[in-house]
Amino acid sequence: MKKIILILFSASIHFYCLAQEEATTTDGKKVILYPDGTWKTPVTAPTFKVVAIPHLEIPKPVANELIINHTGYTLSYDVNFKQARWVAYELTVEETNAVVERKDHFVPDPLIKTGSAANSDYTNQGYDKGHLAPCADMCYSVKTMDESFYLSNMSPQLPGFNRGIWKQLEEQVRQWAIDNKAVYIITGGILTNGLPTIGKNKVAVPQYFYKVILDYTEPDIKSIGFIIPNKSSNELLQHYAVTIDSVEKVTNIDFFYQLPDDQENSIESKIDVNKWHW
């Protein structure tokens, strides 16, 4: 067996809680060294050339889709479910600096003329008006903050979910925008026929919510997705991490379709939680 010379690499925690260290063999190859003495050659992520793509965050359009453009985010509104199929935006490190305070002023979206939810739909129903694009991501101007409270950006969320694991995920993604200078974010409830509804306008209550994140900046292009049930949870966020391909299968939404095919196929089919700072 080849000798292994440890060099100055810090230990990291594997997703399955196995401690591991990077090491270098005598012939210069990188390996992953485990505490029991076993080792393997690490998988090297492909290197991609970043391509300038305007509005990369917007999913592939579908027939008769109602797409609404606001200042800080874009959404696809589904009149049957009275909420967005997806809400998409880029969040930059500069936009994480709050310059306005939260304003709990929920109003109908003026760009949706028919089939909109109302505040009364949520009254005494036991659900929060849960943000899809969180207001804390839209705190960089008065206009973006105000628009974040449009009811088209809301979905019925149980309080334990909205104020717990979902809030944790929102805060984590905001930190990733700081860590990586910018990330692309798409989020929403998983909308399927037969969901329970609330209120006169029959606002659907998703049983699961999703979020997909793309870091499309060199040198470490990466992506991650989440599917989380609409209920309280004490699990770590990593427990809900999935590939973007997995989210596409349950939502029927084609994310980041504007990427070159080789990049899209590779980025969306893989996940490495160790590439993200938790």
Protein backbone atom coordinates (compact mmCIF):
# COMPACT_ATOMS: atom_id res chain seq x y z
CA MET A 1 0.00 0.00 0.00
CA LYS A 2 1.22 3.49 -0.81
CA LYS A 3 2.35 5.62 2.10
CA ILE A 4 0.14 8.55 2.99
CA ILE A 5 1.58 11.85 4.17
CA LEU A 6 -0.88 14.06 6.03
CA ILE A 7 -0.55 17.74 5.21
CA LEU A 8 -2.26 20.77 6.65
CA PHE A 9 -5.92 20.09 6.00
CA SER A 10 -8.60 20.57 8.63
CA ALA A 11 -10.98 17.73 9.47
CA SER A 12 -14.47 18.05 8.07
CA ILE A 13 -17.70 16.34 9.03
CA HIS A 14 -19.20 13.97 6.49
CA PHE A 15 -22.93 14.11 5.89
CA TYR A 16 -23.28 10.75 7.58
CA CYS A 17 -21.24 11.96 10.55
CA LEU A 18 -18.03 10.16 9.65
CA ALA A 19 -14.95 12.28 10.40
CA GLN A 20 -12.60 12.47 7.46
CA GLU A 21 -9.42 14.26 6.46
CA GLU A 22 -7.82 15.07 3.18
CA ALA A 23 -4.38 13.59 2.69
CA THR A 24 -1.76 13.33 -0.01
CA THR A 25 -0.02 10.13 -1.09
CA THR A 26 3.70 9.99 -1.77
CA ASP A 27 3.01 10.27 -5.49
CA GLY A 28 0.98 13.46 -5.00
CA LYS A 29 -2.57 12.12 -5.26
CA LYS A 30 -5.36 13.47 -3.03
CA VAL A 31 -7.27 10.93 -0.93
CA ILE A 32 -9.94 10.96 1.78
CA LEU A 33 -8.66 9.37 4.99
CA TYR A 34 -11.12 7.89 7.51
CA PRO A 35 -10.47 7.28 11.24
CA ASP A 36 -10.37 3.49 10.76
CA GLY A 37 -7.44 3.80 8.37
CA THR A 38 -9.37 3.23 5.16
CA TRP A 39 -9.19 5.76 2.37
CA LYS A 40 -10.60 6.56 -1.03
CA THR A 41 -9.92 8.89 -3.91
CA PRO A 42 -12.23 11.93 -3.71
CA VAL A 43 -14.58 12.72 -6.56
CA THR A 44 -13.38 15.85 -8.32
CA ALA A 45 -16.17 18.23 -9.23
CA PRO A 46 -16.21 19.21 -12.90
CA THR A 47 -14.92 22.65 -13.77
CA PHE A 48 -17.34 24.83 -15.71
CA LYS A 49 -16.96 28.10 -17.48
CA VAL A 50 -19.43 30.60 -16.05
CA VAL A 51 -21.71 31.95 -18.77
CA ALA A 52 -23.46 35.31 -18.42
CA ILE A 53 -27.19 34.47 -18.43
CA PRO A 54 -29.73 37.22 -17.68
CA HIS A 55 -32.43 36.13 -15.23
CA LEU A 56 -30.90 32.71 -14.77
CA GLU A 57 -33.21 32.14 -11.81
CA ILE A 58 -36.38 32.04 -13.94
CA PRO A 59 -37.64 28.46 -14.52
CA LYS A 60 -38.71 27.23 -17.94
CA PRO A 61 -42.08 28.79 -18.90
CA VAL A 62 -45.12 26.60 -19.48
CA ALA A 63 -48.28 27.21 -21.50
CA ASN A 64 -50.75 29.78 -20.13
CA GLU A 65 -48.49 30.59 -17.19
CA LEU A 66 -49.15 33.88 -15.38
CA ILE A 67 -45.71 35.34 -14.69
CA ILE A 68 -45.55 38.49 -12.57
CA ASN A 69 -42.42 40.63 -12.36
CA HIS A 70 -41.85 42.63 -9.20
CA THR A 71 -38.82 44.69 -8.27
CA GLY A 72 -37.07 42.10 -6.12
CA TYR A 73 -38.55 38.85 -7.37
CA THR A 74 -40.53 37.16 -10.14
CA LEU A 75 -43.36 34.70 -9.54
CA SER A 76 -45.56 32.29 -11.44
CA TYR A 77 -49.08 32.64 -10.07
CA ASP A 78 -51.51 29.73 -10.18
CA VAL A 79 -55.11 30.94 -9.95
CA ASN A 80 -56.33 27.42 -9.13
CA PHE A 81 -54.26 27.21 -5.95
CA LYS A 82 -54.38 30.98 -5.17
CA GLN A 83 -50.61 31.22 -4.73
CA ALA A 84 -47.34 31.08 -6.61
CA ARG A 85 -46.04 27.87 -8.18
CA TRP A 86 -42.61 29.41 -7.79
CA VAL A 87 -40.98 32.62 -6.65
CA ALA A 88 -37.51 33.32 -8.06
CA TYR A 89 -34.82 35.90 -7.42
CA GLU A 90 -31.10 36.48 -7.17
CA LEU A 91 -29.85 37.52 -3.74
CA THR A 92 -26.53 39.35 -3.63
CA VAL A 93 -24.36 40.07 -0.63
CA GLU A 94 -25.17 43.78 -0.95
CA GLU A 95 -28.90 43.05 -0.78
CA THR A 96 -28.54 41.30 2.57
CA ASN A 97 -27.80 44.68 4.21
CA ALA A 98 -31.09 45.83 5.75
CA VAL A 99 -31.96 49.45 5.15
CA VAL A 100 -35.70 49.26 5.93
CA GLU A 101 -37.59 47.56 8.74
CA ARG A 102 -40.21 44.84 8.36
CA LYS A 103 -43.75 46.07 7.73
CA ASP A 104 -46.51 43.54 8.34
CA HIS A 105 -48.82 45.05 5.73
CA PHE A 106 -50.30 42.16 3.74
CA VAL A 107 -52.17 43.29 0.62
CA PRO A 108 -53.43 41.72 -2.62
CA ASP A 109 -51.02 41.80 -5.52
CA PRO A 110 -52.14 44.70 -7.75
CA LEU A 111 -50.83 42.89 -10.86
CA ILE A 112 -53.20 39.95 -10.33
CA LYS A 113 -56.64 41.06 -11.46
CA THR A 114 -58.62 37.90 -10.74
CA GLY A 115 -58.37 34.84 -8.55
CA SER A 116 -56.28 36.41 -5.79
CA ALA A 117 -56.17 35.35 -2.16
CA ALA A 118 -57.41 37.74 0.52
CA ASN A 119 -56.38 38.41 4.11
CA SER A 120 -59.76 37.08 5.24
CA ASP A 121 -58.88 33.66 3.82
CA TYR A 122 -56.33 33.25 6.62
CA THR A 123 -58.50 34.56 9.47
CA ASN A 124 -58.94 32.00 12.28
CA GLN A 125 -57.62 29.20 10.09
CA GLY A 126 -54.56 28.34 12.19
CA TYR A 127 -52.06 29.13 9.45
CA ASP A 128 -49.48 31.86 9.06
CA LYS A 129 -49.27 33.89 5.90
CA GLY A 130 -45.90 32.35 5.11
CA HIS A 131 -43.51 34.26 2.87
CA LEU A 132 -42.03 32.49 -0.14
CA ALA A 133 -39.53 35.25 -0.89
CA PRO A 134 -38.80 36.26 2.73
CA CYS A 135 -39.11 39.92 3.61
CA ALA A 136 -35.61 39.78 5.14
CA ASP A 137 -34.30 39.11 1.61
CA MET A 138 -36.18 42.17 0.37
CA CYS A 139 -35.11 44.67 3.01
CA TYR A 140 -32.79 46.64 0.73
CA SER A 141 -35.45 49.16 -0.36
CA VAL A 142 -38.89 50.38 0.67
CA LYS A 143 -40.41 49.13 -2.58
CA THR A 144 -38.99 45.61 -2.36
CA MET A 145 -40.07 45.37 1.27
CA ASP A 146 -43.62 46.48 0.46
CA GLU A 147 -43.85 44.07 -2.49
CA SER A 148 -42.69 41.17 -0.34
CA PHE A 149 -46.01 41.42 1.54
CA TYR A 150 -48.19 40.86 -1.52
CA LEU A 151 -50.51 37.94 -0.88
CA SER A 152 -49.25 36.34 -4.10
CA ASN A 153 -45.98 35.82 -2.21
CA MET A 154 -47.76 34.02 0.65
CA SER A 155 -48.71 30.43 1.27
CA PRO A 156 -50.50 28.87 4.28
CA GLN A 157 -47.85 27.56 6.66
CA LEU A 158 -48.30 26.06 10.10
CA PRO A 159 -46.77 28.37 12.73
CA GLY A 160 -44.31 25.74 13.94
CA PHE A 161 -43.02 25.35 10.39
CA ASN A 162 -42.99 29.01 9.36
CA ARG A 163 -41.33 30.22 12.55
CA GLY A 164 -39.09 27.18 12.92
CA ILE A 165 -37.36 25.05 10.26
CA TRP A 166 -38.49 27.30 7.37
CA LYS A 167 -37.12 30.40 9.09
CA GLN A 168 -33.87 28.54 9.75
CA LEU A 169 -33.58 27.69 6.06
CA GLU A 170 -34.24 31.29 5.04
CA GLU A 171 -31.53 32.52 7.40
CA GLN A 172 -29.12 29.86 6.15
CA VAL A 173 -29.67 30.81 2.51
CA ARG A 174 -29.11 34.46 3.38
CA GLN A 175 -25.77 33.52 4.90
CA TRP A 176 -24.89 31.59 1.74
CA ALA A 177 -25.54 34.73 -0.29
CA ILE A 178 -22.95 36.45 1.90
CA ASP A 179 -20.51 33.53 1.74
CA ASN A 180 -20.73 33.19 -2.05
CA LYS A 181 -21.35 36.86 -3.00
CA ALA A 182 -24.64 35.89 -4.70
CA VAL A 183 -27.02 32.95 -5.04
CA TYR A 184 -30.06 32.20 -7.19
CA ILE A 185 -33.13 31.08 -5.25
CA ILE A 186 -36.41 29.50 -6.33
CA THR A 187 -39.03 28.50 -3.78
CA GLY A 188 -42.67 27.55 -3.32
CA GLY A 189 -45.15 25.01 -2.10
CA ILE A 190 -45.53 21.69 -3.87
CA LEU A 191 -48.93 22.14 -5.51
CA THR A 192 -50.90 19.02 -6.34
CA ASN A 193 -54.58 18.28 -6.88
CA GLY A 194 -56.58 17.41 -3.80
CA LEU A 195 -54.81 19.66 -1.31
CA PRO A 196 -56.89 21.02 1.60
CA THR A 197 -57.94 24.65 1.29
CA ILE A 198 -58.72 27.58 3.56
CA GLY A 199 -60.98 30.60 3.24
CA LYS A 200 -63.64 31.75 0.83
CA ASN A 201 -61.15 31.82 -2.04
CA LYS A 202 -60.03 28.23 -1.31
CA VAL A 203 -56.33 28.90 -0.87
CA ALA A 204 -54.51 25.56 -1.13
CA VAL A 205 -52.44 24.38 1.83
CA PRO A 206 -49.24 22.69 0.59
CA GLN A 207 -48.13 19.62 2.49
CA TYR A 208 -44.52 20.25 1.47
CA PHE A 209 -42.42 23.28 0.55
CA TYR A 210 -39.30 23.34 -1.59
CA LYS A 211 -36.33 25.62 -2.12
CA VAL A 212 -33.50 25.31 -4.65
CA ILE A 213 -30.29 27.32 -4.50
CA LEU A 214 -27.60 27.77 -7.14
CA ASP A 215 -24.17 29.28 -6.54
CA TYR A 216 -23.04 30.09 -10.06
CA THR A 217 -19.80 31.85 -9.17
CA GLU A 218 -16.29 30.54 -9.65
CA PRO A 219 -14.38 28.68 -8.46
CA ASP A 220 -16.87 26.37 -6.75
CA ILE A 221 -20.14 26.18 -8.68
CA LYS A 222 -22.69 24.20 -6.69
CA SER A 223 -26.38 23.66 -6.04
CA ILE A 224 -28.64 22.28 -3.37
CA GLY A 225 -32.35 21.65 -2.95
CA PHE A 226 -34.71 21.14 -0.01
CA ILE A 227 -38.09 19.49 0.39
CA ILE A 228 -39.58 20.05 3.86
CA PRO A 229 -43.01 19.01 5.20
CA ASN A 230 -45.31 21.79 6.37
CA LYS A 231 -45.00 21.02 10.08
CA SER A 232 -42.70 21.56 13.04
CA SER A 233 -39.33 19.83 12.90
CA ASN A 234 -36.28 19.45 15.11
CA GLU A 235 -34.20 17.88 12.35
CA LEU A 236 -31.08 19.51 10.96
CA LEU A 237 -31.53 21.26 7.63
CA GLN A 238 -29.13 18.74 6.07
CA HIS A 239 -31.75 16.06 6.72
CA TYR A 240 -33.95 17.65 4.04
CA ALA A 241 -31.24 18.36 1.47
CA VAL A 242 -31.80 16.82 -1.98
CA THR A 243 -30.65 17.32 -5.54
CA ILE A 244 -32.38 19.83 -7.78
CA ASP A 245 -33.36 16.91 -10.02
CA SER A 246 -35.32 15.50 -7.08
CA VAL A 247 -37.21 18.76 -6.63
CA GLU A 248 -37.97 18.89 -10.35
CA LYS A 249 -39.56 15.44 -10.20
CA VAL A 250 -42.08 16.40 -7.52
CA THR A 251 -42.84 19.93 -8.77
CA ASN A 252 -42.73 19.39 -12.56
CA ILE A 253 -40.73 22.62 -12.78
CA ASP A 254 -37.63 22.85 -14.97
CA PHE A 255 -35.14 24.91 -12.95
CA PHE A 256 -32.07 26.63 -14.44
CA TYR A 257 -32.97 25.42 -17.94
CA GLN A 258 -30.94 28.25 -19.47
CA LEU A 259 -27.65 26.71 -18.37
CA PRO A 260 -25.64 24.87 -21.03
CA ASP A 261 -26.89 21.28 -21.11
CA ASP A 262 -23.70 19.74 -19.74
CA GLN A 263 -23.70 22.18 -16.82
CA GLU A 264 -27.39 21.77 -16.08
CA ASN A 265 -27.20 17.98 -16.10
CA SER A 266 -24.17 17.87 -13.81
CA ILE A 267 -25.16 20.66 -11.42
CA GLU A 268 -28.74 19.50 -10.90
CA SER A 269 -27.98 15.79 -10.49
CA LYS A 270 -25.40 16.13 -7.70
CA ILE A 271 -25.36 17.36 -4.13
CA ASP A 272 -22.47 17.75 -1.71
CA VAL A 273 -23.55 19.27 1.60
CA ASN A 274 -19.91 19.70 2.60
CA LYS A 275 -19.51 22.39 -0.08
CA TRP A 276 -21.95 24.62 1.83
CA HIS A 277 -21.07 26.33 5.10
CA TRP A 278 -23.59 25.41 7.79
